[in-house]
């Protein structure tokens, strides 16, 4: 995790959208815990583990959160630029993260990191192949793909993602060459970018049609900085981009990750966290749009913990998803909560 994404305040509470803060446990306790409502298996399709200055979220912290939702049957670990190799060629250093996760879970809970999504720089083009092969070897059967974050915005108020070096990266032939190397190894690509960039994902999906692409965090709707005022207009722009991407059958949509950047719930100033009912009311337009555009077969739920722990506890988050799917069929709910994740990440 790049240190610029971690900021601390004297109060212990966040003061800026789009950055990562250690959660405030006293504030989280102001909303009473709720018993888990889920009675079907859950695969948490997106979480991190890290050790940062003043902020550990490692296996004990994750297991404590999972205890709030007994239905969790498996998880997918997603890269966060943590535990890279300290030396050797720069392009191979991210393999250290995969090595660390495998070592961490070797004698632990078999649910954790059933799939691992690491990092490799697609800017390398064809030369990314040996890095991917090193991840596969290090993953000991758990490595499933990479995440490549190309979130880029011209506003200084919007922090770009770690590898969001310039606009339009997913449209470039060099990146397409790297993506074809992923597909050749039967690996998936998580993409993380902002809502005004969704056309880039559609271009990539057409250029590499045999690549499984996972759109992270509902396609990255932004609700702060220059996007705070015209929320209705930005929602329409996001929805149109989402529809364009959903028309490509090799793209799945990961639902979640709406706290830090979406800013629909103002966790910066709220006197307490939302209940699951309140959060479901706030998030319903985005979640329902994702399911309507992609269908339950290509949608999967994520916690995005510990990032989203800035605004909500683990149990309340999954109860929110339960409430948002009360009108779905049993088969649709099983797809959303576990089976779509098992398919796209090839989990047992």
Protein backbone atom coordinates (compact mmCIF):
# COMPACT_ATOMS: atom_id res chain seq x y z
CA UNK A 1 0.00 0.00 0.00
CA UNK A 2 1.43 3.34 -1.05
CA UNK A 3 1.86 5.48 2.07
CA UNK A 4 0.14 8.42 0.39
CA UNK A 5 -3.17 6.57 0.69
CA UNK A 6 -2.85 6.33 4.49
CA UNK A 7 -3.48 9.50 6.44
CA UNK A 8 -4.03 10.02 10.13
CA UNK A 9 -5.73 12.80 12.07
CA UNK A 10 -5.34 13.82 15.68
CA UNK A 11 -8.96 12.84 16.38
CA UNK A 12 -8.56 9.37 14.89
CA UNK A 13 -11.45 10.08 12.51
CA UNK A 14 -11.20 10.65 8.75
CA UNK A 15 -11.25 14.17 7.39
CA UNK A 16 -10.97 13.55 3.64
CA UNK A 17 -12.71 11.31 1.12
CA UNK A 18 -10.64 9.06 -1.10
CA UNK A 19 -7.92 8.26 1.43
CA UNK A 20 -7.56 5.33 3.82
CA UNK A 21 -7.71 5.74 7.58
CA UNK A 22 -7.56 3.25 10.43
CA UNK A 23 -11.17 2.64 11.50
CA UNK A 24 -12.33 4.23 14.71
CA UNK A 25 -13.59 1.31 16.86
CA UNK A 26 -15.35 3.58 19.35
CA UNK A 27 -17.30 5.23 16.51
CA UNK A 28 -18.16 1.87 14.92
CA UNK A 29 -19.63 0.69 18.23
CA UNK A 30 -22.09 3.59 18.30
CA UNK A 31 -24.39 1.58 16.01
CA UNK A 32 -25.33 -1.68 17.76
CA UNK A 33 -24.21 -4.93 16.13
CA UNK A 34 -26.81 -6.95 14.25
CA UNK A 35 -27.11 -10.73 14.06
CA UNK A 36 -26.18 -11.99 10.61
CA UNK A 37 -29.22 -12.51 8.37
CA UNK A 38 -27.47 -14.61 5.74
CA UNK A 39 -28.51 -18.24 5.44
CA UNK A 40 -26.63 -19.11 2.22
CA UNK A 41 -22.88 -19.49 1.58
CA UNK A 42 -20.88 -16.28 1.13
CA UNK A 43 -17.62 -15.73 -0.74
CA UNK A 44 -16.11 -12.37 0.12
CA UNK A 45 -14.71 -11.55 -3.32
CA UNK A 46 -12.38 -8.72 -2.29
CA UNK A 47 -10.40 -8.02 0.87
CA UNK A 48 -6.87 -7.00 1.79
CA UNK A 49 -4.34 -7.76 4.53
CA UNK A 50 -1.62 -5.30 5.44
CA UNK A 51 0.85 -4.06 8.04
CA UNK A 52 1.17 -0.32 7.83
CA UNK A 53 2.60 2.17 10.32
CA UNK A 54 -0.01 2.38 13.05
CA UNK A 55 -2.49 0.23 11.15
CA UNK A 56 -2.40 -3.57 11.12
CA UNK A 57 -5.10 -5.53 9.36
CA UNK A 58 -3.78 -9.03 9.26
CA UNK A 59 -5.17 -12.51 9.74
CA UNK A 60 -6.39 -12.01 13.36
CA UNK A 61 -8.26 -8.84 12.44
CA UNK A 62 -9.83 -10.44 9.38
CA UNK A 63 -10.91 -13.54 11.31
CA UNK A 64 -12.51 -11.33 13.97
CA UNK A 65 -14.56 -9.61 11.26
CA UNK A 66 -15.50 -12.92 9.63
CA UNK A 67 -16.89 -14.09 12.96
CA UNK A 68 -19.69 -11.56 12.44
CA UNK A 69 -20.87 -13.46 9.34
CA UNK A 70 -20.74 -17.22 9.94
CA UNK A 71 -21.94 -17.90 6.37
CA UNK A 72 -18.58 -16.82 4.88
CA UNK A 73 -17.25 -19.96 3.18
CA UNK A 74 -14.29 -18.45 1.36
CA UNK A 75 -12.49 -15.22 0.53
CA UNK A 76 -10.49 -13.69 -2.31
CA UNK A 77 -7.37 -11.76 -1.36
CA UNK A 78 -6.71 -8.73 -3.57
CA UNK A 79 -3.37 -6.95 -3.83
CA UNK A 80 -2.63 -3.81 -1.87
CA UNK A 81 1.08 -3.25 -2.66
CA UNK A 82 2.03 -4.95 0.58
CA UNK A 83 5.02 -7.18 1.45
CA UNK A 84 6.83 -6.79 -1.85
CA UNK A 85 10.25 -8.36 -2.21
CA UNK A 86 12.92 -6.00 -0.93
CA UNK A 87 15.34 -6.61 -3.77
CA UNK A 88 15.71 -8.17 -7.18
CA UNK A 89 14.26 -6.90 -10.48
CA UNK A 90 11.55 -4.30 -9.84
CA UNK A 91 8.94 -6.05 -11.98
CA UNK A 92 9.23 -9.23 -9.86
CA UNK A 93 9.02 -7.55 -6.46
CA UNK A 94 5.18 -7.74 -6.29
CA UNK A 95 5.50 -11.55 -6.28
CA UNK A 96 6.52 -11.12 -2.66
CA UNK A 97 2.93 -10.26 -1.81
CA UNK A 98 1.69 -13.59 -3.16
CA UNK A 99 4.49 -15.39 -1.28
CA UNK A 100 3.54 -13.60 1.94
CA UNK A 101 -0.16 -14.47 1.71
CA UNK A 102 0.56 -18.13 0.97
CA UNK A 103 2.92 -18.32 3.97
CA UNK A 104 0.41 -16.54 6.19
CA UNK A 105 -2.43 -18.94 5.48
CA UNK A 106 -0.38 -22.16 5.25
CA UNK A 107 -1.48 -23.36 8.68
CA UNK A 108 -4.55 -21.20 9.04
CA UNK A 109 -8.22 -21.10 8.16
CA UNK A 110 -8.76 -22.78 4.74
CA UNK A 111 -11.45 -20.24 3.86
CA UNK A 112 -8.94 -17.39 3.71
CA UNK A 113 -7.50 -16.47 0.31
CA UNK A 114 -9.04 -19.38 -1.57
CA UNK A 115 -8.11 -17.17 -4.52
CA UNK A 116 -5.27 -14.65 -4.67
CA UNK A 117 -5.29 -11.61 -6.97
CA UNK A 118 -1.82 -10.08 -7.12
CA UNK A 119 -0.17 -7.28 -9.06
CA UNK A 120 1.87 -7.27 -12.25
CA UNK A 121 2.49 -4.24 -14.42
CA UNK A 122 0.67 -4.62 -17.74
CA UNK A 123 2.72 -1.67 -18.98
CA UNK A 124 5.40 -4.32 -19.54
CA UNK A 125 3.39 -5.73 -22.43
CA UNK A 126 4.56 -9.19 -23.49
CA UNK A 127 7.38 -8.97 -20.95
CA UNK A 128 4.86 -9.40 -18.13
CA UNK A 129 4.64 -13.16 -18.87
CA UNK A 130 7.52 -14.32 -16.62
CA UNK A 131 6.17 -12.19 -13.75
CA UNK A 132 2.77 -13.87 -14.09
CA UNK A 133 4.42 -17.28 -14.19
CA UNK A 134 6.33 -16.43 -10.99
CA UNK A 135 3.05 -15.48 -9.28
CA UNK A 136 1.45 -18.76 -10.37
CA UNK A 137 4.36 -20.74 -8.95
CA UNK A 138 4.37 -18.76 -5.69
CA UNK A 139 0.60 -19.09 -5.33
CA UNK A 140 0.67 -22.87 -4.86
CA UNK A 141 -2.62 -23.35 -6.65
CA UNK A 142 -4.36 -20.24 -5.27
CA UNK A 143 -3.18 -17.54 -7.67
CA UNK A 144 -6.04 -16.46 -9.94
CA UNK A 145 -5.04 -13.20 -11.62
CA UNK A 146 -3.92 -9.62 -11.13
CA UNK A 147 -5.42 -6.25 -10.41
CA UNK A 148 -4.30 -3.30 -12.52
CA UNK A 149 -5.56 0.04 -11.24
CA UNK A 150 -5.74 2.75 -13.90
CA UNK A 151 -7.94 5.27 -12.08
CA UNK A 152 -6.94 8.70 -13.37
CA UNK A 153 -8.58 12.08 -12.95
CA UNK A 154 -7.32 15.55 -13.78
CA UNK A 155 -8.61 17.03 -10.53
CA UNK A 156 -6.07 17.35 -7.69
CA UNK A 157 -8.92 16.47 -5.31
CA UNK A 158 -9.12 12.92 -6.71
CA UNK A 159 -6.13 10.78 -5.79
CA UNK A 160 -5.25 8.61 -8.75
CA UNK A 161 -4.80 4.88 -8.22
CA UNK A 162 -1.30 3.54 -7.73
CA UNK A 163 -0.72 2.63 -11.38
CA UNK A 164 -3.04 5.28 -12.85
CA UNK A 165 -0.15 7.03 -14.58
CA UNK A 166 -2.04 8.62 -17.47
CA UNK A 167 -5.53 8.60 -19.02
CA UNK A 168 -6.62 5.83 -21.36
CA UNK A 169 -4.13 3.15 -20.32
CA UNK A 170 -6.54 0.28 -20.96
CA UNK A 171 -6.85 1.42 -24.58
CA UNK A 172 -3.13 1.05 -25.30
CA UNK A 173 -1.71 -1.80 -27.37
CA UNK A 174 1.12 -2.48 -24.91
CA UNK A 175 -1.41 -3.07 -22.13
CA UNK A 176 -3.48 -5.22 -24.49
CA UNK A 177 -0.39 -7.34 -25.16
CA UNK A 178 0.07 -7.86 -21.42
CA UNK A 179 -3.62 -8.67 -21.04
CA UNK A 180 -3.33 -11.34 -23.74
CA UNK A 181 -0.56 -12.93 -21.68
CA UNK A 182 -2.98 -13.09 -18.76
CA UNK A 183 -5.62 -14.76 -20.90
CA UNK A 184 -3.13 -17.29 -22.25
CA UNK A 185 -2.42 -18.41 -18.67
CA UNK A 186 -6.16 -18.60 -17.86
CA UNK A 187 -5.79 -15.75 -15.37
CA UNK A 188 -8.29 -12.97 -14.72
CA UNK A 189 -7.86 -9.20 -14.63
CA UNK A 190 -9.41 -7.00 -11.97
CA UNK A 191 -9.71 -3.42 -13.23
CA UNK A 192 -9.98 -0.48 -10.85
CA UNK A 193 -10.73 2.93 -12.34
CA UNK A 194 -13.26 5.77 -12.14
CA UNK A 195 -16.75 6.01 -13.60
CA UNK A 196 -15.81 8.42 -16.39
CA UNK A 197 -13.26 5.85 -17.64
CA UNK A 198 -15.63 2.92 -18.12
CA UNK A 199 -15.33 3.13 -21.90
CA UNK A 200 -11.69 2.06 -21.45
CA UNK A 201 -12.88 -1.25 -19.99
CA UNK A 202 -15.22 -1.84 -22.93
CA UNK A 203 -12.32 -1.24 -25.34
CA UNK A 204 -10.09 -3.72 -23.50
CA UNK A 205 -12.86 -6.32 -23.31
CA UNK A 206 -13.31 -6.17 -27.07
CA UNK A 207 -9.58 -6.25 -27.76
CA UNK A 208 -9.01 -9.35 -25.58
CA UNK A 209 -12.34 -11.21 -25.68
CA UNK A 210 -11.00 -14.41 -24.07
CA UNK A 211 -9.85 -12.54 -20.95
CA UNK A 212 -12.05 -12.66 -17.83
CA UNK A 213 -12.29 -9.07 -16.58
CA UNK A 214 -13.66 -8.10 -13.16
CA UNK A 215 -14.83 -4.51 -12.74
CA UNK A 216 -13.98 -3.53 -9.16
CA UNK A 217 -16.05 -1.37 -6.83
CA UNK A 218 -19.16 -1.00 -9.03
CA UNK A 219 -17.10 0.69 -11.72
CA UNK A 220 -15.69 3.42 -9.48
CA UNK A 221 -18.45 6.03 -9.07
CA UNK A 222 -16.96 9.22 -7.61
CA UNK A 223 -19.00 11.37 -5.25
CA UNK A 224 -16.53 13.90 -3.85
CA UNK A 225 -14.34 16.74 -5.11
CA UNK A 226 -15.63 18.00 -8.47
CA UNK A 227 -18.20 15.17 -8.50
CA UNK A 228 -19.99 16.21 -5.31
CA UNK A 229 -22.41 18.73 -6.82
CA UNK A 230 -24.08 17.17 -9.86
CA UNK A 231 -24.80 13.77 -8.35
CA UNK A 232 -27.72 13.05 -10.67
CA UNK A 233 -25.70 13.86 -13.77
CA UNK A 234 -22.75 11.79 -12.60
CA UNK A 235 -25.05 8.87 -11.80
CA UNK A 236 -26.39 8.98 -15.36
CA UNK A 237 -22.85 9.10 -16.78
CA UNK A 238 -21.84 6.15 -14.61
CA UNK A 239 -24.95 4.16 -15.56
CA UNK A 240 -24.34 4.70 -19.28
CA UNK A 241 -20.74 3.55 -18.92
CA UNK A 242 -21.82 0.55 -16.89
CA UNK A 243 -24.29 -0.44 -19.62
CA UNK A 244 -21.55 -0.18 -22.27
CA UNK A 245 -19.25 -2.47 -20.27
CA UNK A 246 -22.02 -4.94 -19.40
CA UNK A 247 -22.63 -5.50 -23.11
CA UNK A 248 -19.26 -7.30 -23.20
CA UNK A 249 -19.88 -10.86 -21.97
CA UNK A 250 -16.34 -11.34 -20.63
CA UNK A 251 -16.77 -8.70 -17.90
CA UNK A 252 -18.09 -9.31 -14.38
CA UNK A 253 -19.03 -6.59 -11.86
CA UNK A 254 -17.85 -6.62 -8.27
CA UNK A 255 -20.42 -4.90 -6.04
CA UNK A 256 -19.06 -2.97 -3.08
CA UNK A 257 -16.23 -0.57 -2.38
CA UNK A 258 -18.57 2.41 -2.32
CA UNK A 259 -17.43 3.95 0.96
CA UNK A 260 -14.15 5.76 0.33
CA UNK A 261 -14.75 7.18 -3.16
CA UNK A 262 -18.49 6.94 -3.72
CA UNK A 263 -19.16 9.21 -0.72
CA UNK A 264 -22.91 8.57 -0.83
CA UNK A 265 -22.72 8.06 2.94
CA UNK A 266 -20.82 10.91 4.58
CA UNK A 267 -18.78 8.92 7.08
CA UNK A 268 -16.53 11.94 7.61
CA UNK A 269 -19.14 13.87 9.60
CA UNK A 270 -21.72 11.23 10.60
CA UNK A 271 -22.27 11.00 14.33
CA UNK A 272 -22.55 7.21 14.06
CA UNK A 273 -22.27 4.49 11.39
CA UNK A 274 -25.41 3.58 9.42
CA UNK A 275 -27.49 0.54 10.26
CA UNK A 276 -27.81 -2.07 7.53
CA UNK A 277 -31.27 -0.67 6.69
CA UNK A 278 -29.94 2.86 6.36
CA UNK A 279 -27.00 1.76 4.23
CA UNK A 280 -29.25 -0.29 1.96
CA UNK A 281 -31.42 2.75 1.36
CA UNK A 282 -28.38 4.88 0.47
CA UNK A 283 -26.71 2.32 -1.82
CA UNK A 284 -29.77 0.80 -3.48
CA UNK A 285 -29.59 2.83 -6.74
CA UNK A 286 -26.00 1.76 -7.45
CA UNK A 287 -26.38 -1.87 -6.41
CA UNK A 288 -29.62 -2.39 -8.31
CA UNK A 289 -28.17 -0.77 -11.44
CA UNK A 290 -25.19 -3.15 -11.38
CA UNK A 291 -27.45 -6.20 -11.06
CA UNK A 292 -29.86 -4.95 -13.72
CA UNK A 293 -27.05 -4.32 -16.23
CA UNK A 294 -24.87 -7.39 -15.62
CA UNK A 295 -27.40 -9.86 -14.20
CA UNK A 296 -26.81 -11.98 -11.12
CA UNK A 297 -24.67 -14.42 -13.14
CA UNK A 298 -21.98 -11.74 -13.60
CA UNK A 299 -22.19 -9.89 -10.27
CA UNK A 300 -20.40 -10.73 -7.04
CA UNK A 301 -20.34 -9.06 -3.64
CA UNK A 302 -17.19 -7.78 -1.95
CA UNK A 303 -16.41 -6.36 1.48
CA UNK A 304 -13.40 -4.27 0.39
CA UNK A 305 -12.20 -4.61 3.97
CA UNK A 306 -10.48 -3.06 5.73
CA UNK A 307 -10.96 0.00 3.47
CA UNK A 308 -14.73 0.12 3.90
CA UNK A 309 -14.36 -0.45 7.63
CA UNK A 310 -13.88 3.32 7.84
CA UNK A 311 -17.65 3.60 7.45
CA UNK A 312 -19.34 0.32 8.41
CA UNK A 313 -18.72 -2.89 10.32
CA UNK A 314 -18.40 -6.22 8.54
CA UNK A 315 -21.66 -7.71 9.80
CA UNK A 316 -23.72 -4.63 8.97
CA UNK A 317 -22.25 -4.51 5.48
CA UNK A 318 -23.31 -8.05 4.62
CA UNK A 319 -26.73 -7.53 6.20
CA UNK A 320 -27.06 -4.53 3.87
CA UNK A 321 -26.41 -6.79 0.87
CA UNK A 322 -28.97 -9.25 2.26
CA UNK A 323 -31.59 -6.49 2.42
CA UNK A 324 -30.76 -5.32 -1.11
CA UNK A 325 -31.43 -8.80 -2.52
CA UNK A 326 -34.63 -9.67 -0.67
CA UNK A 327 -36.58 -9.52 -3.94
CA UNK A 328 -34.17 -11.80 -5.82
CA UNK A 329 -34.76 -15.48 -6.42
CA UNK A 330 -32.89 -18.10 -4.40
CA UNK A 331 -30.73 -18.93 -7.42
CA UNK A 332 -29.93 -15.24 -8.03
CA UNK A 333 -28.93 -14.77 -4.39
CA UNK A 334 -26.65 -17.81 -4.50
CA UNK A 335 -24.99 -16.41 -7.60
CA UNK A 336 -24.51 -12.95 -6.08
CA UNK A 337 -23.19 -14.10 -2.73
CA UNK A 338 -20.92 -16.97 -3.80
CA UNK A 339 -21.33 -18.76 -7.13
CA UNK A 340 -20.35 -15.90 -9.46
CA UNK A 341 -17.15 -15.39 -7.45
CA UNK A 342 -16.42 -19.11 -7.60
CA UNK A 343 -16.87 -19.08 -11.36
CA UNK A 344 -14.81 -16.04 -12.29
CA UNK A 345 -11.98 -16.89 -9.85
CA UNK A 346 -12.22 -20.66 -10.41
CA UNK A 347 -12.61 -21.47 -6.72
CA UNK A 348 -13.35 -24.95 -5.42
